[in-house]
Amino acid sequence: MNANSTTLTEQPDVLREHIDSSLTKAQAQKSILKRNNSRYSTTNAILGAVAAVLAGTAGTVGKAATWKPICLFAAVCSVGATVTAKLQTTDQLTEVSECVGQLKVLKFETVPLTYDSKQVGEKYQQILLTFDV
């Protein structure tokens, strides 16, 4: 452990503040990832549907002069759908959710005034190392 972790274990109130601060940061990151993931998912579905409709329309009712540009636009929509699918951050969202859960457990452990600050400080340091909070 470093000098900062020794200070944390000696001052329970400071440890609580650090845990609260890290929890707030992790929850904000989780919120951002969830919002972005939702946007990417919606965009993916819309672009995929538009590509399918355009390709179907070009194949069934398209005239010789219009089917090429329609198919090109369908291809662009399909590429956009593929890119947005790749941009989804489910692994990061899972990781930050796990971090939030562990920090909430630590916060709960610090509720009693007589909690073991050394043990909680060590757990906190491990969370910091694992999740880079």
C-alpha atoms as a PDB file:
ATOM      1  CA  MET A   1       0.000   0.000   0.000  1.00  0.00           C
ATOM      2  CA  ASN A   2       1.120   3.538  -0.565  1.00  0.00           C
ATOM      3  CA  ALA A   3       1.235   6.466   1.866  1.00  0.00           C
ATOM      4  CA  ASN A   4      -2.196   7.646   0.763  1.00  0.00           C
ATOM      5  CA  SER A   5      -3.795   4.305   1.671  1.00  0.00           C
ATOM      6  CA  THR A   6      -2.209   4.453   5.129  1.00  0.00           C
ATOM      7  CA  THR A   7      -3.779   7.882   5.606  1.00  0.00           C
ATOM      8  CA  LEU A   8      -7.133   6.523   4.464  1.00  0.00           C
ATOM      9  CA  THR A   9      -7.104   3.687   6.980  1.00  0.00           C
ATOM     10  CA  GLU A  10      -6.163   6.033   9.812  1.00  0.00           C
ATOM     11  CA  GLN A  11      -8.951   8.514   9.054  1.00  0.00           C
ATOM     12  CA  PRO A  12     -12.321   6.788   8.614  1.00  0.00           C
ATOM     13  CA  ASP A  13     -14.127   9.986   7.588  1.00  0.00           C
ATOM     14  CA  VAL A  14     -11.593  10.619   4.821  1.00  0.00           C
ATOM     15  CA  LEU A  15     -12.022   7.032   3.647  1.00  0.00           C
ATOM     16  CA  ARG A  16     -15.803   7.499   3.493  1.00  0.00           C
ATOM     17  CA  GLU A  17     -15.336  10.669   1.440  1.00  0.00           C
ATOM     18  CA  HIS A  18     -13.001   8.906  -0.992  1.00  0.00           C
ATOM     19  CA  ILE A  19     -15.437   6.022  -1.405  1.00  0.00           C
ATOM     20  CA  ASP A  20     -18.324   8.454  -1.973  1.00  0.00           C
ATOM     21  CA  SER A  21     -16.279  10.408  -4.514  1.00  0.00           C
ATOM     22  CA  SER A  22     -15.273   7.267  -6.415  1.00  0.00           C
ATOM     23  CA  LEU A  23     -18.855   6.002  -6.329  1.00  0.00           C
ATOM     24  CA  THR A  24     -20.125   9.294  -7.734  1.00  0.00           C
ATOM     25  CA  LYS A  25     -17.550   9.178 -10.558  1.00  0.00           C
ATOM     26  CA  ALA A  26     -18.326   5.538 -11.349  1.00  0.00           C
ATOM     27  CA  GLN A  27     -22.087   6.179 -11.365  1.00  0.00           C
ATOM     28  CA  ALA A  28     -21.613   9.154 -13.714  1.00  0.00           C
ATOM     29  CA  GLN A  29     -19.518   6.999 -16.043  1.00  0.00           C
ATOM     30  CA  LYS A  30     -22.147   4.248 -15.904  1.00  0.00           C
ATOM     31  CA  SER A  31     -24.862   6.752 -16.789  1.00  0.00           C
ATOM     32  CA  ILE A  32     -22.885   8.038 -19.774  1.00  0.00           C
ATOM     33  CA  LEU A  33     -22.178   4.523 -21.030  1.00  0.00           C
ATOM     34  CA  LYS A  34     -25.826   3.490 -20.658  1.00  0.00           C
ATOM     35  CA  ARG A  35     -27.027   6.573 -22.524  1.00  0.00           C
ATOM     36  CA  ASN A  36     -24.492   6.085 -25.334  1.00  0.00           C
ATOM     37  CA  ASN A  37     -25.230   2.371 -25.550  1.00  0.00           C
ATOM     38  CA  SER A  38     -28.933   3.107 -25.866  1.00  0.00           C
ATOM     39  CA  ARG A  39     -28.300   5.660 -28.611  1.00  0.00           C
ATOM     40  CA  TYR A  40     -26.061   3.292 -30.537  1.00  0.00           C
ATOM     41  CA  SER A  41     -28.582   0.491 -30.236  1.00  0.00           C
ATOM     42  CA  THR A  42     -31.420   2.682 -31.489  1.00  0.00           C
ATOM     43  CA  THR A  43     -29.311   4.063 -34.340  1.00  0.00           C
ATOM     44  CA  ASN A  44     -28.253   0.539 -35.287  1.00  0.00           C
ATOM     45  CA  ALA A  45     -31.867  -0.639 -35.495  1.00  0.00           C
ATOM     46  CA  ILE A  46     -33.012   2.384 -37.502  1.00  0.00           C
ATOM     47  CA  LEU A  47     -30.139   2.224 -39.995  1.00  0.00           C
ATOM     48  CA  GLY A  48     -30.592  -1.517 -40.444  1.00  0.00           C
ATOM     49  CA  ALA A  49     -34.315  -1.088 -41.081  1.00  0.00           C
ATOM     50  CA  VAL A  50     -33.767   1.792 -43.514  1.00  0.00           C
ATOM     51  CA  ALA A  51     -31.148  -0.252 -45.397  1.00  0.00           C
ATOM     52  CA  ALA A  52     -33.519  -3.207 -45.669  1.00  0.00           C
ATOM     53  CA  VAL A  53     -36.428  -1.053 -46.869  1.00  0.00           C
ATOM     54  CA  LEU A  54     -34.262   0.751 -49.421  1.00  0.00           C
ATOM     55  CA  ALA A  55     -32.761  -2.459 -50.776  1.00  0.00           C
ATOM     56  CA  GLY A  56     -36.187  -4.069 -50.964  1.00  0.00           C
ATOM     57  CA  THR A  57     -37.690  -1.046 -52.680  1.00  0.00           C
ATOM     58  CA  ALA A  58     -34.856  -0.831 -55.199  1.00  0.00           C
ATOM     59  CA  GLY A  59     -35.229  -4.501 -56.032  1.00  0.00           C
ATOM     60  CA  THR A  60     -38.986  -4.534 -56.423  1.00  0.00           C
ATOM     61  CA  VAL A  61     -40.090  -1.160 -57.766  1.00  0.00           C
ATOM     62  CA  GLY A  62     -36.844   0.592 -58.663  1.00  0.00           C
ATOM     63  CA  LYS A  63     -36.341   1.750 -62.206  1.00  0.00           C
ATOM     64  CA  ALA A  64     -33.082   1.283 -64.052  1.00  0.00           C
ATOM     65  CA  ALA A  65     -32.097   4.906 -63.463  1.00  0.00           C
ATOM     66  CA  THR A  66     -32.815   4.916 -59.709  1.00  0.00           C
ATOM     67  CA  TRP A  67     -31.872   1.501 -58.364  1.00  0.00           C
ATOM     68  CA  LYS A  68     -28.112   2.170 -58.248  1.00  0.00           C
ATOM     69  CA  PRO A  69     -28.328   5.324 -56.064  1.00  0.00           C
ATOM     70  CA  ILE A  70     -30.941   3.657 -53.854  1.00  0.00           C
ATOM     71  CA  CYS A  71     -28.732   0.588 -53.391  1.00  0.00           C
ATOM     72  CA  LEU A  72     -25.752   2.837 -52.672  1.00  0.00           C
ATOM     73  CA  PHE A  73     -27.719   4.657 -49.974  1.00  0.00           C
ATOM     74  CA  ALA A  74     -28.849   1.281 -48.565  1.00  0.00           C
ATOM     75  CA  ALA A  75     -25.212   0.171 -48.445  1.00  0.00           C
ATOM     76  CA  VAL A  76     -24.227   3.354 -46.583  1.00  0.00           C
ATOM     77  CA  CYS A  77     -27.033   2.738 -44.068  1.00  0.00           C
ATOM     78  CA  SER A  78     -25.866  -0.845 -43.655  1.00  0.00           C
ATOM     79  CA  VAL A  79     -22.289   0.289 -42.986  1.00  0.00           C
ATOM     80  CA  GLY A  80     -23.617   2.821 -40.474  1.00  0.00           C
ATOM     81  CA  ALA A  81     -25.541   0.062 -38.712  1.00  0.00           C
ATOM     82  CA  THR A  82     -22.402  -2.073 -38.565  1.00  0.00           C
ATOM     83  CA  VAL A  83     -20.325   0.777 -37.153  1.00  0.00           C
ATOM     84  CA  THR A  84     -22.874   1.652 -34.480  1.00  0.00           C
ATOM     85  CA  ALA A  85     -23.077  -2.004 -33.470  1.00  0.00           C
ATOM     86  CA  LYS A  86     -19.313  -1.994 -32.945  1.00  0.00           C
ATOM     87  CA  LEU A  87     -19.490   1.242 -30.929  1.00  0.00           C
ATOM     88  CA  GLN A  88     -21.754  -0.314 -28.310  1.00  0.00           C
ATOM     89  CA  THR A  89     -19.888  -0.577 -25.018  1.00  0.00           C
ATOM     90  CA  THR A  90     -21.464  -3.531 -23.255  1.00  0.00           C
ATOM     91  CA  ASP A  91     -18.146  -4.780 -21.812  1.00  0.00           C
ATOM     92  CA  GLN A  92     -17.315  -1.370 -20.380  1.00  0.00           C
ATOM     93  CA  LEU A  93     -20.846  -1.023 -19.038  1.00  0.00           C
ATOM     94  CA  THR A  94     -20.583  -4.407 -17.321  1.00  0.00           C
ATOM     95  CA  GLU A  95     -17.236  -3.464 -15.782  1.00  0.00           C
ATOM     96  CA  VAL A  96     -18.383  -0.073 -14.489  1.00  0.00           C
ATOM     97  CA  SER A  97     -21.557  -1.682 -13.101  1.00  0.00           C
ATOM     98  CA  GLU A  98     -19.423  -4.153 -11.174  1.00  0.00           C
ATOM     99  CA  CYS A  99     -17.290  -1.295  -9.858  1.00  0.00           C
ATOM    100  CA  VAL A 100     -20.389   0.632  -8.740  1.00  0.00           C
ATOM    101  CA  GLY A 101     -21.688  -2.467  -6.967  1.00  0.00           C
ATOM    102  CA  GLN A 102     -18.432  -3.033  -5.102  1.00  0.00           C
ATOM    103  CA  LEU A 103     -18.215   0.630  -4.087  1.00  0.00           C
ATOM    104  CA  LYS A 104     -21.816   0.506  -2.819  1.00  0.00           C
ATOM    105  CA  VAL A 105     -20.904  -2.499  -0.671  1.00  0.00           C
ATOM    106  CA  LEU A 106     -17.935  -0.581   0.761  1.00  0.00           C
ATOM    107  CA  LYS A 107     -20.110   2.446   1.407  1.00  0.00           C
ATOM    108  CA  PHE A 108     -22.554   0.215   3.270  1.00  0.00           C
ATOM    109  CA  GLU A 109     -19.672  -1.259   5.300  1.00  0.00           C
ATOM    110  CA  THR A 110     -18.702   2.255   6.455  1.00  0.00           C
ATOM    111  CA  VAL A 111     -22.147   3.034   7.887  1.00  0.00           C
ATOM    112  CA  PRO A 112     -21.350   1.801  11.428  1.00  0.00           C
ATOM    113  CA  LEU A 113     -19.076   4.189  13.284  1.00  0.00           C
ATOM    114  CA  THR A 114     -16.931   1.255  14.412  1.00  0.00           C
ATOM    115  CA  TYR A 115     -16.140  -0.267  11.016  1.00  0.00           C
ATOM    116  CA  ASP A 116     -12.714  -1.788  10.359  1.00  0.00           C
ATOM    117  CA  SER A 117     -11.118   1.065   8.430  1.00  0.00           C
ATOM    118  CA  LYS A 118      -7.983  -0.984   7.677  1.00  0.00           C
ATOM    119  CA  GLN A 119      -9.960  -3.759   6.025  1.00  0.00           C
ATOM    120  CA  VAL A 120     -12.241  -1.355   4.137  1.00  0.00           C
ATOM    121  CA  GLY A 121      -9.207   0.707   3.073  1.00  0.00           C
ATOM    122  CA  GLU A 122      -7.544  -2.398   1.658  1.00  0.00           C
ATOM    123  CA  LYS A 123     -10.722  -3.353  -0.220  1.00  0.00           C
ATOM    124  CA  TYR A 124     -10.984   0.188  -1.544  1.00  0.00           C
ATOM    125  CA  GLN A 125      -7.382   0.146  -2.768  1.00  0.00           C
ATOM    126  CA  GLN A 126      -8.070  -3.163  -4.524  1.00  0.00           C
ATOM    127  CA  ILE A 127     -11.103  -1.654  -6.276  1.00  0.00           C
ATOM    128  CA  LEU A 128      -8.998   1.314  -7.370  1.00  0.00           C
ATOM    129  CA  LEU A 129      -6.354  -1.026  -8.805  1.00  0.00           C
ATOM    130  CA  THR A 130      -8.891  -3.285 -10.492  1.00  0.00           C
ATOM    131  CA  PHE A 131     -11.146  -0.676 -12.057  1.00  0.00           C
ATOM    132  CA  ASP A 132      -8.891   2.377 -12.379  1.00  0.00           C
ATOM    133  CA  VAL A 133     -11.443   4.666 -10.700  1.00  0.00           C
END
